[in-house]
PDB file of N, CA and C in Angstrom:
ATOM      1  N   MET A   1      -5.184  23.264  12.742  1.00  0.00           N
ATOM      2  CA  MET A   1      -5.726  22.238  12.236  1.00  0.00           C
ATOM      3  C   MET A   1      -7.247  23.082  10.940  1.00  0.00           C
ATOM      4  N   ARG A   2      -7.775  24.336  11.679  1.00  0.00           N
ATOM      5  CA  ARG A   2      -8.464  25.319  11.758  1.00  0.00           C
ATOM      6  C   ARG A   2      -7.907  26.403  10.748  1.00  0.00           C
ATOM      7  N   GLU A   3      -6.390  26.831  10.804  1.00  0.00           N
ATOM      8  CA  GLU A   3      -5.716  27.184   9.415  1.00  0.00           C
ATOM      9  C   GLU A   3      -6.357  26.939   7.441  1.00  0.00           C
ATOM     10  N   LEU A   4      -5.712  25.013   8.464  1.00  0.00           N
ATOM     11  CA  LEU A   4      -6.078  24.464   7.471  1.00  0.00           C
ATOM     12  C   LEU A   4      -7.020  24.692   6.795  1.00  0.00           C
ATOM     13  N   LEU A   5      -8.412  24.301   7.590  1.00  0.00           N
ATOM     14  CA  LEU A   5     -10.118  23.946   7.274  1.00  0.00           C
ATOM     15  C   LEU A   5     -10.167  25.726   6.697  1.00  0.00           C
ATOM     16  N   ALA A   6     -10.198  26.682   7.182  1.00  0.00           N
ATOM     17  CA  ALA A   6      -9.891  28.343   7.076  1.00  0.00           C
ATOM     18  C   ALA A   6      -9.517  28.213   4.647  1.00  0.00           C
ATOM     19  N   ALA A   7      -8.330  27.956   5.341  1.00  0.00           N
ATOM     20  CA  ALA A   7      -7.759  28.468   3.890  1.00  0.00           C
ATOM     21  C   ALA A   7      -8.226  27.183   2.797  1.00  0.00           C
ATOM     22  N   GLY A   8      -9.036  26.362   2.587  1.00  0.00           N
ATOM     23  CA  GLY A   8      -9.308  25.490   2.022  1.00  0.00           C
ATOM     24  C   GLY A   8      -8.541  24.402   2.133  1.00  0.00           C
ATOM     25  N   GLU A   9      -7.102  24.229   2.668  1.00  0.00           N
ATOM     26  CA  GLU A   9      -5.965  22.970   2.245  1.00  0.00           C
ATOM     27  C   GLU A   9      -6.855  21.680   2.560  1.00  0.00           C
ATOM     28  N   VAL A  10      -8.228  21.757   3.483  1.00  0.00           N
ATOM     29  CA  VAL A  10      -9.017  20.057   4.329  1.00  0.00           C
ATOM     30  C   VAL A  10      -9.476  19.917   3.528  1.00  0.00           C
ATOM     31  N   HIS A  11     -10.390  19.450   2.794  1.00  0.00           N
ATOM     32  CA  HIS A  11     -11.704  18.978   2.452  1.00  0.00           C
ATOM     33  C   HIS A  11     -12.813  18.096   3.082  1.00  0.00           C
ATOM     34  N   ALA A  12     -12.737  18.091   4.819  1.00  0.00           N
ATOM     35  CA  ALA A  12     -13.273  16.955   5.512  1.00  0.00           C
ATOM     36  C   ALA A  12     -13.761  18.147   6.642  1.00  0.00           C
ATOM     37  N   ALA A  13     -14.646  17.551   6.636  1.00  0.00           N
ATOM     38  CA  ALA A  13     -15.552  18.118   8.648  1.00  0.00           C
ATOM     39  C   ALA A  13     -14.513  17.857   9.709  1.00  0.00           C
ATOM     40  N   TYR A  14     -14.657  19.423  10.388  1.00  0.00           N
ATOM     41  CA  TYR A  14     -13.244  19.786  11.667  1.00  0.00           C
ATOM     42  C   TYR A  14     -13.309  18.079  12.248  1.00  0.00           C
ATOM     43  N   THR A  15     -14.729  17.707  12.740  1.00  0.00           N
ATOM     44  CA  THR A  15     -14.391  16.878  14.049  1.00  0.00           C
ATOM     45  C   THR A  15     -14.519  15.198  13.268  1.00  0.00           C
ATOM     46  N   THR A  16     -13.875  15.091  11.799  1.00  0.00           N
ATOM     47  CA  THR A  16     -13.666  14.128  10.958  1.00  0.00           C
ATOM     48  C   THR A  16     -12.312  14.481  11.502  1.00  0.00           C
ATOM     49  N   VAL A  17     -10.440  14.941  10.816  1.00  0.00           N
ATOM     50  CA  VAL A  17     -10.532  15.129  11.325  1.00  0.00           C
ATOM     51  C   VAL A  17      -9.491  15.278  12.765  1.00  0.00           C
ATOM     52  N   MET A  18     -10.467  16.061  12.769  1.00  0.00           N
ATOM     53  CA  MET A  18      -9.361  15.942  14.326  1.00  0.00           C
ATOM     54  C   MET A  18      -9.769  14.679  15.081  1.00  0.00           C
ATOM     55  N   THR A  19     -10.451  14.100  14.658  1.00  0.00           N
ATOM     56  CA  THR A  19     -10.397  12.187  15.659  1.00  0.00           C
ATOM     57  C   THR A  19      -9.760  11.161  15.187  1.00  0.00           C
ATOM     58  N   THR A  20      -9.894  11.939  13.446  1.00  0.00           N
ATOM     59  CA  THR A  20      -8.212  11.121  13.181  1.00  0.00           C
ATOM     60  C   THR A  20      -6.605  11.395  13.518  1.00  0.00           C
ATOM     61  N   LEU A  21      -7.054  12.622  13.618  1.00  0.00           N
ATOM     62  CA  LEU A  21      -5.846  12.930  14.485  1.00  0.00           C
ATOM     63  C   LEU A  21      -5.116  12.661  15.816  1.00  0.00           C
ATOM     64  N   ASP A  22      -6.245  12.377  16.584  1.00  0.00           N
ATOM     65  CA  ASP A  22      -5.967  11.814  17.652  1.00  0.00           C
ATOM     66  C   ASP A  22      -6.147  10.588  18.002  1.00  0.00           C
ATOM     67  N   ARG A  23      -6.584  10.164  16.647  1.00  0.00           N
ATOM     68  CA  ARG A  23      -6.626   8.781  17.089  1.00  0.00           C
ATOM     69  C   ARG A  23      -4.771   8.432  16.852  1.00  0.00           C
ATOM     70  N   LEU A  24      -3.799   8.873  16.028  1.00  0.00           N
ATOM     71  CA  LEU A  24      -2.874   8.885  15.296  1.00  0.00           C
ATOM     72  C   LEU A  24      -2.009   9.354  16.398  1.00  0.00           C
ATOM     73  N   PHE A  25      -2.056   9.838  17.405  1.00  0.00           N
ATOM     74  CA  PHE A  25      -1.259  10.186  18.670  1.00  0.00           C
ATOM     75  C   PHE A  25      -1.800   9.314  19.082  1.00  0.00           C
ATOM     76  N   LYS A  26      -2.810   8.529  19.965  1.00  0.00           N
ATOM     77  CA  LYS A  26      -2.551   7.260  20.549  1.00  0.00           C
ATOM     78  C   LYS A  26      -2.291   6.203  20.778  1.00  0.00           C
ATOM     79  N   LYS A  27      -2.193   5.882  18.478  1.00  0.00           N
ATOM     80  CA  LYS A  27      -1.320   5.017  18.486  1.00  0.00           C
ATOM     81  C   LYS A  27       0.486   5.612  18.024  1.00  0.00           C
ATOM     82  N   GLY A  28      -0.065   6.743  18.607  1.00  0.00           N
ATOM     83  CA  GLY A  28       2.098   6.478  18.858  1.00  0.00           C
ATOM     84  C   GLY A  28       2.990   6.978  17.260  1.00  0.00           C
ATOM     85  N   LEU A  29       1.920   7.468  15.685  1.00  0.00           N
ATOM     86  CA  LEU A  29       2.535   8.295  15.293  1.00  0.00           C
ATOM     87  C   LEU A  29       2.591  10.021  14.929  1.00  0.00           C
ATOM     88  N   LEU A  30       2.278  10.391  16.374  1.00  0.00           N
ATOM     89  CA  LEU A  30       1.999  11.596  16.532  1.00  0.00           C
ATOM     90  C   LEU A  30       2.246  11.936  16.987  1.00  0.00           C
ATOM     91  N   ASP A  31       2.921  13.298  17.450  1.00  0.00           N
ATOM     92  CA  ASP A  31       2.844  14.560  18.545  1.00  0.00           C
ATOM     93  C   ASP A  31       2.278  15.315  18.885  1.00  0.00           C
ATOM     94  N   ARG A  32       2.134  15.986  19.795  1.00  0.00           N
ATOM     95  CA  ARG A  32       1.022  16.936  20.539  1.00  0.00           C
ATOM     96  C   ARG A  32       1.167  17.704  21.400  1.00  0.00           C
ATOM     97  N   ARG A  33       1.031  19.053  21.029  1.00  0.00           N
ATOM     98  CA  ARG A  33       1.942  19.559  22.229  1.00  0.00           C
ATOM     99  C   ARG A  33       0.475  21.292  22.174  1.00  0.00           C
ATOM    100  N   PRO A  34      -0.018  21.317  23.593  1.00  0.00           N
ATOM    101  CA  PRO A  34      -0.785  22.727  23.103  1.00  0.00           C
ATOM    102  C   PRO A  34      -0.470  23.781  22.586  1.00  0.00           C
ATOM    103  N   ASP A  35      -1.472  24.463  22.124  1.00  0.00           N
ATOM    104  CA  ASP A  35      -1.558  25.509  21.671  1.00  0.00           C
ATOM    105  C   ASP A  35      -2.242  26.274  22.216  1.00  0.00           C
ATOM    106  N   GLY A  36      -1.161  27.221  22.907  1.00  0.00           N
ATOM    107  CA  GLY A  36      -1.460  28.638  23.506  1.00  0.00           C
ATOM    108  C   GLY A  36      -2.361  27.921  24.620  1.00  0.00           C
ATOM    109  N   SER A  37      -3.493  28.687  25.449  1.00  0.00           N
ATOM    110  CA  SER A  37      -4.061  28.365  26.151  1.00  0.00           C
ATOM    111  C   SER A  37      -5.492  28.248  26.212  1.00  0.00           C
ATOM    112  N   SER A  38      -5.558  27.679  24.649  1.00  0.00           N
ATOM    113  CA  SER A  38      -6.945  27.335  24.219  1.00  0.00           C
ATOM    114  C   SER A  38      -6.385  25.748  24.799  1.00  0.00           C
ATOM    115  N   ARG A  39      -7.799  25.273  24.790  1.00  0.00           N
ATOM    116  CA  ARG A  39      -7.758  23.918  24.692  1.00  0.00           C
ATOM    117  C   ARG A  39      -7.176  22.819  23.615  1.00  0.00           C
ATOM    118  N   ALA A  40      -7.174  23.557  22.305  1.00  0.00           N
ATOM    119  CA  ALA A  40      -6.347  23.195  21.269  1.00  0.00           C
ATOM    120  C   ALA A  40      -5.474  22.380  20.904  1.00  0.00           C
ATOM    121  N   PHE A  41      -4.889  21.904  20.262  1.00  0.00           N
ATOM    122  CA  PHE A  41      -3.238  21.594  20.178  1.00  0.00           C
ATOM    123  C   PHE A  41      -2.585  21.135  18.979  1.00  0.00           C
ATOM    124  N   ARG A  42      -1.217  21.571  18.600  1.00  0.00           N
ATOM    125  CA  ARG A  42      -0.888  21.364  17.458  1.00  0.00           C
ATOM    126  C   ARG A  42      -0.125  20.048  17.042  1.00  0.00           C
ATOM    127  N   TYR A  43      -0.155  19.065  16.416  1.00  0.00           N
ATOM    128  CA  TYR A  43       0.705  17.897  15.931  1.00  0.00           C
ATOM    129  C   TYR A  43       0.900  18.011  15.105  1.00  0.00           C
ATOM    130  N   ARG A  44       2.650  17.188  15.894  1.00  0.00           N
ATOM    131  CA  ARG A  44       3.630  17.340  14.896  1.00  0.00           C
ATOM    132  C   ARG A  44       3.463  15.148  14.121  1.00  0.00           C
ATOM    133  N   LEU A  45       4.190  14.897  12.718  1.00  0.00           N
ATOM    134  CA  LEU A  45       4.659  13.439  12.929  1.00  0.00           C
ATOM    135  C   LEU A  45       5.719  12.831  13.173  1.00  0.00           C
ATOM    136  N   LYS A  46       4.826  11.822  14.121  1.00  0.00           N
ATOM    137  CA  LYS A  46       6.705  11.619  15.361  1.00  0.00           C
ATOM    138  C   LYS A  46       7.516  10.551  14.558  1.00  0.00           C
ATOM    139  N   PRO A  47       8.860  10.468  14.590  1.00  0.00           N
ATOM    140  CA  PRO A  47       9.137  10.538  13.574  1.00  0.00           C
ATOM    141  C   PRO A  47       8.978   8.636  13.718  1.00  0.00           C
ATOM    142  N   ALA A  48       8.524   7.812  13.612  1.00  0.00           N
ATOM    143  CA  ALA A  48       8.719   6.153  13.958  1.00  0.00           C
ATOM    144  C   ALA A  48      10.304   5.348  13.574  1.00  0.00           C
ATOM    145  N   THR A  49      10.079   4.216  14.733  1.00  0.00           N
ATOM    146  CA  THR A  49      11.518   3.486  14.592  1.00  0.00           C
ATOM    147  C   THR A  49      10.928   2.136  13.528  1.00  0.00           C
ATOM    148  N   ARG A  50      12.263   1.178  13.488  1.00  0.00           N
ATOM    149  CA  ARG A  50      11.926  -0.126  12.851  1.00  0.00           C
ATOM    150  C   ARG A  50      11.254  -0.804  13.996  1.00  0.00           C
ATOM    151  N   ASP A  51      10.932  -0.647  15.101  1.00  0.00           N
ATOM    152  CA  ASP A  51      10.299  -1.344  15.947  1.00  0.00           C
ATOM    153  C   ASP A  51       8.444  -1.327  14.953  1.00  0.00           C
ATOM    154  N   PHE A  52       8.737  -0.107  15.703  1.00  0.00           N
ATOM    155  CA  PHE A  52       6.667  -0.046  15.059  1.00  0.00           C
ATOM    156  C   PHE A  52       6.767  -0.235  14.321  1.00  0.00           C
ATOM    157  N   TYR A  53       7.479   0.178  12.689  1.00  0.00           N
ATOM    158  CA  TYR A  53       7.085  -0.576  12.241  1.00  0.00           C
ATOM    159  C   TYR A  53       6.395  -2.221  11.746  1.00  0.00           C
ATOM    160  N   HIS A  54       7.636  -2.357  12.546  1.00  0.00           N
ATOM    161  CA  HIS A  54       8.050  -3.947  12.878  1.00  0.00           C
ATOM    162  C   HIS A  54       5.884  -4.412  12.545  1.00  0.00           C
ATOM    163  N   SER A  55       5.999  -4.187  14.376  1.00  0.00           N
ATOM    164  CA  SER A  55       5.107  -4.036  14.944  1.00  0.00           C
ATOM    165  C   SER A  55       3.661  -3.931  14.256  1.00  0.00           C
ATOM    166  N   ALA A  56       3.755  -2.739  14.204  1.00  0.00           N
ATOM    167  CA  ALA A  56       2.692  -2.589  12.772  1.00  0.00           C
ATOM    168  C   ALA A  56       2.860  -3.766  11.694  1.00  0.00           C
ATOM    169  N   LEU A  57       3.871  -3.524  11.840  1.00  0.00           N
ATOM    170  CA  LEU A  57       3.664  -5.030   9.542  1.00  0.00           C
ATOM    171  C   LEU A  57       3.086  -6.199  10.661  1.00  0.00           C
ATOM    172  N   SER A  58       3.625  -6.875  11.763  1.00  0.00           N
ATOM    173  CA  SER A  58       2.758  -8.164  12.001  1.00  0.00           C
ATOM    174  C   SER A  58       1.868  -8.200  12.948  1.00  0.00           C
ATOM    175  N   ALA A  59       1.114  -7.259  13.637  1.00  0.00           N
ATOM    176  CA  ALA A  59      -0.118  -6.473  13.425  1.00  0.00           C
ATOM    177  C   ALA A  59      -1.671  -6.868  11.916  1.00  0.00           C
ATOM    178  N   ASP A  60      -0.863  -6.456  10.827  1.00  0.00           N
ATOM    179  CA  ASP A  60      -1.561  -6.966   9.929  1.00  0.00           C
ATOM    180  C   ASP A  60      -1.212  -8.044   9.246  1.00  0.00           C
ATOM    181  N   VAL A  61      -0.327  -8.873   9.728  1.00  0.00           N
ATOM    182  CA  VAL A  61      -0.231 -10.808   8.701  1.00  0.00           C
ATOM    183  C   VAL A  61      -0.319 -10.286   9.340  1.00  0.00           C
ATOM    184  N   GLU A  62      -1.124 -10.893  10.886  1.00  0.00           N
ATOM    185  CA  GLU A  62      -2.313 -11.180  11.723  1.00  0.00           C
ATOM    186  C   GLU A  62      -3.393 -10.959  11.360  1.00  0.00           C
ATOM    187  N   ARG A  63      -4.241  -9.909  11.158  1.00  0.00           N
ATOM    188  CA  ARG A  63      -5.062  -9.637  10.294  1.00  0.00           C
ATOM    189  C   ARG A  63      -5.768 -10.167   9.192  1.00  0.00           C
ATOM    190  N   LEU A  64      -4.453 -10.570   8.677  1.00  0.00           N
ATOM    191  CA  LEU A  64      -4.822 -11.107   7.694  1.00  0.00           C
ATOM    192  C   LEU A  64      -5.170 -12.296   7.588  1.00  0.00           C
ATOM    193  N   ILE A  65      -4.421 -12.997   8.187  1.00  0.00           N
ATOM    194  CA  ILE A  65      -4.186 -14.196   7.879  1.00  0.00           C
ATOM    195  C   ILE A  65      -5.708 -14.776   9.038  1.00  0.00           C
ATOM    196  N   ALA A  66      -6.148 -14.424  10.274  1.00  0.00           N
ATOM    197  CA  ALA A  66      -7.688 -14.224  11.445  1.00  0.00           C
ATOM    198  C   ALA A  66      -7.828 -14.291   9.473  1.00  0.00           C
ATOM    199  N   SER A  67      -8.474 -12.930   8.732  1.00  0.00           N
ATOM    200  CA  SER A  67      -9.633 -12.428   8.075  1.00  0.00           C
ATOM    201  C   SER A  67     -10.312 -13.303   7.061  1.00  0.00           C
ATOM    202  N   SER A  68      -9.061 -14.568   6.802  1.00  0.00           N
ATOM    203  CA  SER A  68      -9.240 -15.125   5.477  1.00  0.00           C
ATOM    204  C   SER A  68     -10.385 -16.531   5.489  1.00  0.00           C
ATOM    205  N   SER A  69     -10.424 -16.780   4.303  1.00  0.00           N
ATOM    206  CA  SER A  69     -11.462 -18.293   5.368  1.00  0.00           C
ATOM    207  C   SER A  69      -9.889 -19.430   4.990  1.00  0.00           C
ATOM    208  N   ASP A  70      -9.934 -19.202   4.528  1.00  0.00           N
ATOM    209  CA  ASP A  70      -8.206 -20.201   3.728  1.00  0.00           C
ATOM    210  C   ASP A  70      -6.978 -18.942   4.049  1.00  0.00           C
ATOM    211  N   PRO A  71      -6.593 -19.894   5.866  1.00  0.00           N
ATOM    212  CA  PRO A  71      -5.603 -18.960   6.390  1.00  0.00           C
ATOM    213  C   PRO A  71      -3.551 -19.497   5.306  1.00  0.00           C
ATOM    214  N   THR A  72      -4.232 -20.905   5.074  1.00  0.00           N
ATOM    215  CA  THR A  72      -2.927 -20.969   4.224  1.00  0.00           C
ATOM    216  C   THR A  72      -2.625 -19.790   3.035  1.00  0.00           C
ATOM    217  N   MET A  73      -3.874 -19.309   2.678  1.00  0.00           N
ATOM    218  CA  MET A  73      -4.129 -18.710   0.946  1.00  0.00           C
ATOM    219  C   MET A  73      -2.319 -17.397   1.331  1.00  0.00           C
ATOM    220  N   PRO A  74      -2.240 -16.129   2.456  1.00  0.00           N
ATOM    221  CA  PRO A  74      -2.481 -15.299   3.005  1.00  0.00           C
ATOM    222  C   PRO A  74      -0.495 -15.863   2.972  1.00  0.00           C
ATOM    223  N   VAL A  75      -0.382 -16.935   3.855  1.00  0.00           N
ATOM    224  CA  VAL A  75       0.584 -17.543   3.585  1.00  0.00           C
ATOM    225  C   VAL A  75       2.079 -17.721   2.220  1.00  0.00           C
ATOM    226  N   SER A  76       0.878 -19.274   1.451  1.00  0.00           N
ATOM    227  CA  SER A  76       1.730 -18.311   0.084  1.00  0.00           C
ATOM    228  C   SER A  76       1.524 -17.883  -0.085  1.00  0.00           C
ATOM    229  N   PHE A  77       1.454 -17.158  -0.604  1.00  0.00           N
ATOM    230  CA  PHE A  77       1.420 -15.128  -0.912  1.00  0.00           C
ATOM    231  C   PHE A  77       2.654 -15.089  -0.424  1.00  0.00           C
ATOM    232  N   LEU A  78       2.485 -15.008   0.978  1.00  0.00           N
ATOM    233  CA  LEU A  78       4.409 -14.809   1.487  1.00  0.00           C
ATOM    234  C   LEU A  78       5.330 -16.017   1.076  1.00  0.00           C
ATOM    235  N   VAL A  79       5.121 -16.442   0.955  1.00  0.00           N
ATOM    236  CA  VAL A  79       6.314 -17.430   1.059  1.00  0.00           C
ATOM    237  C   VAL A  79       6.743 -16.829  -1.198  1.00  0.00           C
ATOM    238  N   ASP A  80       5.743 -16.995  -2.057  1.00  0.00           N
ATOM    239  CA  ASP A  80       6.282 -15.954  -3.556  1.00  0.00           C
ATOM    240  C   ASP A  80       6.566 -14.881  -3.689  1.00  0.00           C
ATOM    241  N   ALA A  81       6.493 -14.448  -2.348  1.00  0.00           N
ATOM    242  CA  ALA A  81       6.673 -12.543  -2.807  1.00  0.00           C
ATOM    243  C   ALA A  81       8.184 -12.832  -2.512  1.00  0.00           C
ATOM    244  N   VAL A  82       8.731 -13.240  -0.538  1.00  0.00           N
ATOM    245  CA  VAL A  82       9.927 -14.016  -0.773  1.00  0.00           C
ATOM    246  C   VAL A  82      11.296 -14.239  -1.425  1.00  0.00           C
ATOM    247  N   ALA A  83      10.505 -15.519  -2.068  1.00  0.00           N
ATOM    248  CA  ALA A  83      11.108 -16.426  -3.663  1.00  0.00           C
ATOM    249  C   ALA A  83      11.324 -15.720  -4.705  1.00  0.00           C
ATOM    250  N   GLN A  84      10.915 -14.437  -4.848  1.00  0.00           N
ATOM    251  CA  GLN A  84      10.844 -13.699  -6.152  1.00  0.00           C
ATOM    252  C   GLN A  84      11.780 -12.573  -5.034  1.00  0.00           C
ATOM    253  N   HIS A  85      11.393 -11.993  -4.043  1.00  0.00           N
ATOM    254  CA  HIS A  85      12.716 -11.723  -3.260  1.00  0.00           C
ATOM    255  C   HIS A  85      14.148 -11.127  -4.059  1.00  0.00           C
ATOM    256  N   ASP A  86      14.221 -12.947  -3.240  1.00  0.00           N
ATOM    257  CA  ASP A  86      15.924 -13.059  -2.832  1.00  0.00           C
ATOM    258  C   ASP A  86      15.463 -15.119  -2.517  1.00  0.00           C
ATOM    259  N   ALA A  87      15.558 -15.733  -3.225  1.00  0.00           N
ATOM    260  CA  ALA A  87      15.002 -17.664  -3.747  1.00  0.00           C
ATOM    261  C   ALA A  87      16.416 -17.997  -1.970  1.00  0.00           C
ATOM    262  N   ALA A  88      17.472 -17.212  -1.320  1.00  0.00           N
ATOM    263  CA  ALA A  88      18.279 -17.685  -0.817  1.00  0.00           C
ATOM    264  C   ALA A  88      16.628 -17.313   1.111  1.00  0.00           C
ATOM    265  N   LEU A  89      16.866 -16.665   0.879  1.00  0.00           N
ATOM    266  CA  LEU A  89      15.755 -15.802   1.468  1.00  0.00           C
ATOM    267  C   LEU A  89      15.139 -17.246   2.642  1.00  0.00           C
ATOM    268  N   LEU A  90      14.413 -18.202   1.062  1.00  0.00           N
ATOM    269  CA  LEU A  90      13.285 -19.012   1.800  1.00  0.00           C
ATOM    270  C   LEU A  90      13.396 -20.442   2.302  1.00  0.00           C
ATOM    271  N   ASP A  91      15.870 -20.192   2.540  1.00  0.00           N
ATOM    272  CA  ASP A  91      16.073 -21.121   2.972  1.00  0.00           C
ATOM    273  C   ASP A  91      15.961 -20.218   5.094  1.00  0.00           C
ATOM    274  N   GLU A  92      16.143 -18.805   4.776  1.00  0.00           N
ATOM    275  CA  GLU A  92      16.244 -18.073   6.605  1.00  0.00           C
ATOM    276  C   GLU A  92      14.623 -18.029   6.279  1.00  0.00           C
ATOM    277  N   LEU A  93      13.360 -19.165   5.859  1.00  0.00           N
ATOM    278  CA  LEU A  93      12.053 -18.612   6.149  1.00  0.00           C
ATOM    279  C   LEU A  93      11.586 -19.482   7.016  1.00  0.00           C
ATOM    280  N   GLY A  94      12.461 -20.963   6.337  1.00  0.00           N
ATOM    281  CA  GLY A  94      12.923 -22.403   6.796  1.00  0.00           C
ATOM    282  C   GLY A  94      13.464 -22.611   8.125  1.00  0.00           C
ATOM    283  N   ARG A  95      14.289 -22.414   8.451  1.00  0.00           N
ATOM    284  CA  ARG A  95      14.902 -21.616   9.748  1.00  0.00           C
ATOM    285  C   ARG A  95      14.269 -20.826  10.710  1.00  0.00           C
ATOM    286  N   ALA A  96      13.820 -20.098  10.195  1.00  0.00           N
ATOM    287  CA  ALA A  96      12.302 -19.278  11.378  1.00  0.00           C
ATOM    288  C   ALA A  96      10.956 -19.882  11.034  1.00  0.00           C
ATOM    289  N   VAL A  97      10.374 -21.145  11.036  1.00  0.00           N
ATOM    290  CA  VAL A  97       9.383 -21.475  11.213  1.00  0.00           C
ATOM    291  C   VAL A  97      10.100 -22.663  12.232  1.00  0.00           C
ATOM    292  N   ASN A  98      10.904 -23.412  12.015  1.00  0.00           N
ATOM    293  CA  ASN A  98      11.819 -23.877  12.308  1.00  0.00           C
ATOM    294  C   ASN A  98      11.765 -23.770  14.268  1.00  0.00           C
ATOM    295  N   ARG A  99      12.382 -22.695  14.213  1.00  0.00           N
ATOM    296  CA  ARG A  99      12.507 -22.297  15.255  1.00  0.00           C
ATOM    297  C   ARG A  99      11.572 -22.098  15.824  1.00  0.00           C
ATOM    298  N   LYS A 100      10.858 -20.978  14.985  1.00  0.00           N
ATOM    299  CA  LYS A 100       9.310 -21.045  16.642  1.00  0.00           C
ATOM    300  C   LYS A 100       8.692 -22.887  16.565  1.00  0.00           C
ATOM    301  N   ARG A 101       8.321 -23.605  15.448  1.00  0.00           N
ATOM    302  CA  ARG A 101       7.895 -24.821  15.766  1.00  0.00           C
ATOM    303  C   ARG A 101       9.091 -25.043  17.265  1.00  0.00           C
ATOM    304  N   ARG A 102       9.891 -25.008  17.470  1.00  0.00           N
ATOM    305  CA  ARG A 102      11.006 -25.799  18.794  1.00  0.00           C
ATOM    306  C   ARG A 102      10.787 -24.986  19.959  1.00  0.00           C
ATOM    307  N   GLU A 103      10.120 -23.482  19.886  1.00  0.00           N
ATOM    308  CA  GLU A 103      10.222 -23.006  20.638  1.00  0.00           C
ATOM    309  C   GLU A 103       8.361 -23.265  21.556  1.00  0.00           C
ATOM    310  N   LEU A 104       8.089 -23.512  20.210  1.00  0.00           N
ATOM    311  CA  LEU A 104       5.785 -23.721  20.962  1.00  0.00           C
ATOM    312  C   LEU A 104       6.297 -25.333  21.800  1.00  0.00           C
ATOM    313  N   ARG A 105       7.275 -25.940  20.839  1.00  0.00           N
ATOM    314  CA  ARG A 105       6.850 -27.875  21.825  1.00  0.00           C
ATOM    315  C   ARG A 105       7.718 -27.026  22.565  1.00  0.00           C
ATOM    316  N   ARG A 106       8.033 -26.219  23.510  1.00  0.00           N
ATOM    317  CA  ARG A 106       9.536 -26.338  24.463  1.00  0.00           C
ATOM    318  C   ARG A 106       7.487 -25.392  25.596  1.00  0.00           C
ATOM    319  N   ARG A 107       7.323 -24.571  24.740  1.00  0.00           N
ATOM    320  CA  ARG A 107       5.795 -24.382  25.584  1.00  0.00           C
ATOM    321  C   ARG A 107       4.751 -25.084  26.000  1.00  0.00           C
ATOM    322  N   GLY A 108       4.743 -26.160  25.549  1.00  0.00           N
ATOM    323  CA  GLY A 108       4.250 -27.223  25.426  1.00  0.00           C
ATOM    324  C   GLY A 108       2.566 -26.752  24.199  1.00  0.00           C
ATOM    325  N   LYS A 109       3.194 -25.990  24.010  1.00  0.00           N
ATOM    326  CA  LYS A 109       1.909 -25.229  22.646  1.00  0.00           C
ATOM    327  C   LYS A 109       1.518 -26.103  21.164  1.00  0.00           C
ATOM    328  N   LEU A 110       2.292 -26.729  20.717  1.00  0.00           N
ATOM    329  CA  LEU A 110       2.444 -27.482  19.671  1.00  0.00           C
ATOM    330  C   LEU A 110       1.925 -29.139  19.918  1.00  0.00           C
TER     331      LEU A 110
END
């Protein structure tokens, strides 16, 4: 990181960049290894798994629904996007909704 700052490749405060790198490491997006005998680290992009992307997307959708004054709006946007991509996916979406309803009823949450 120091090399990039010294070369003028990064135009941000050192502490801001290091905080961001540490957060990305803690979220599992970066690997890091000690750099010599100092307390410094070398960071490298970690290959993300499909499960990681799915869980991140799921968390984003949850935040979108929770932050909306009308939670039906993001859901309707999803339905529209699915229909534009592939109308047959609407049937699969309906089946997924029905499966989830049955599961919630079994758990006594619906």
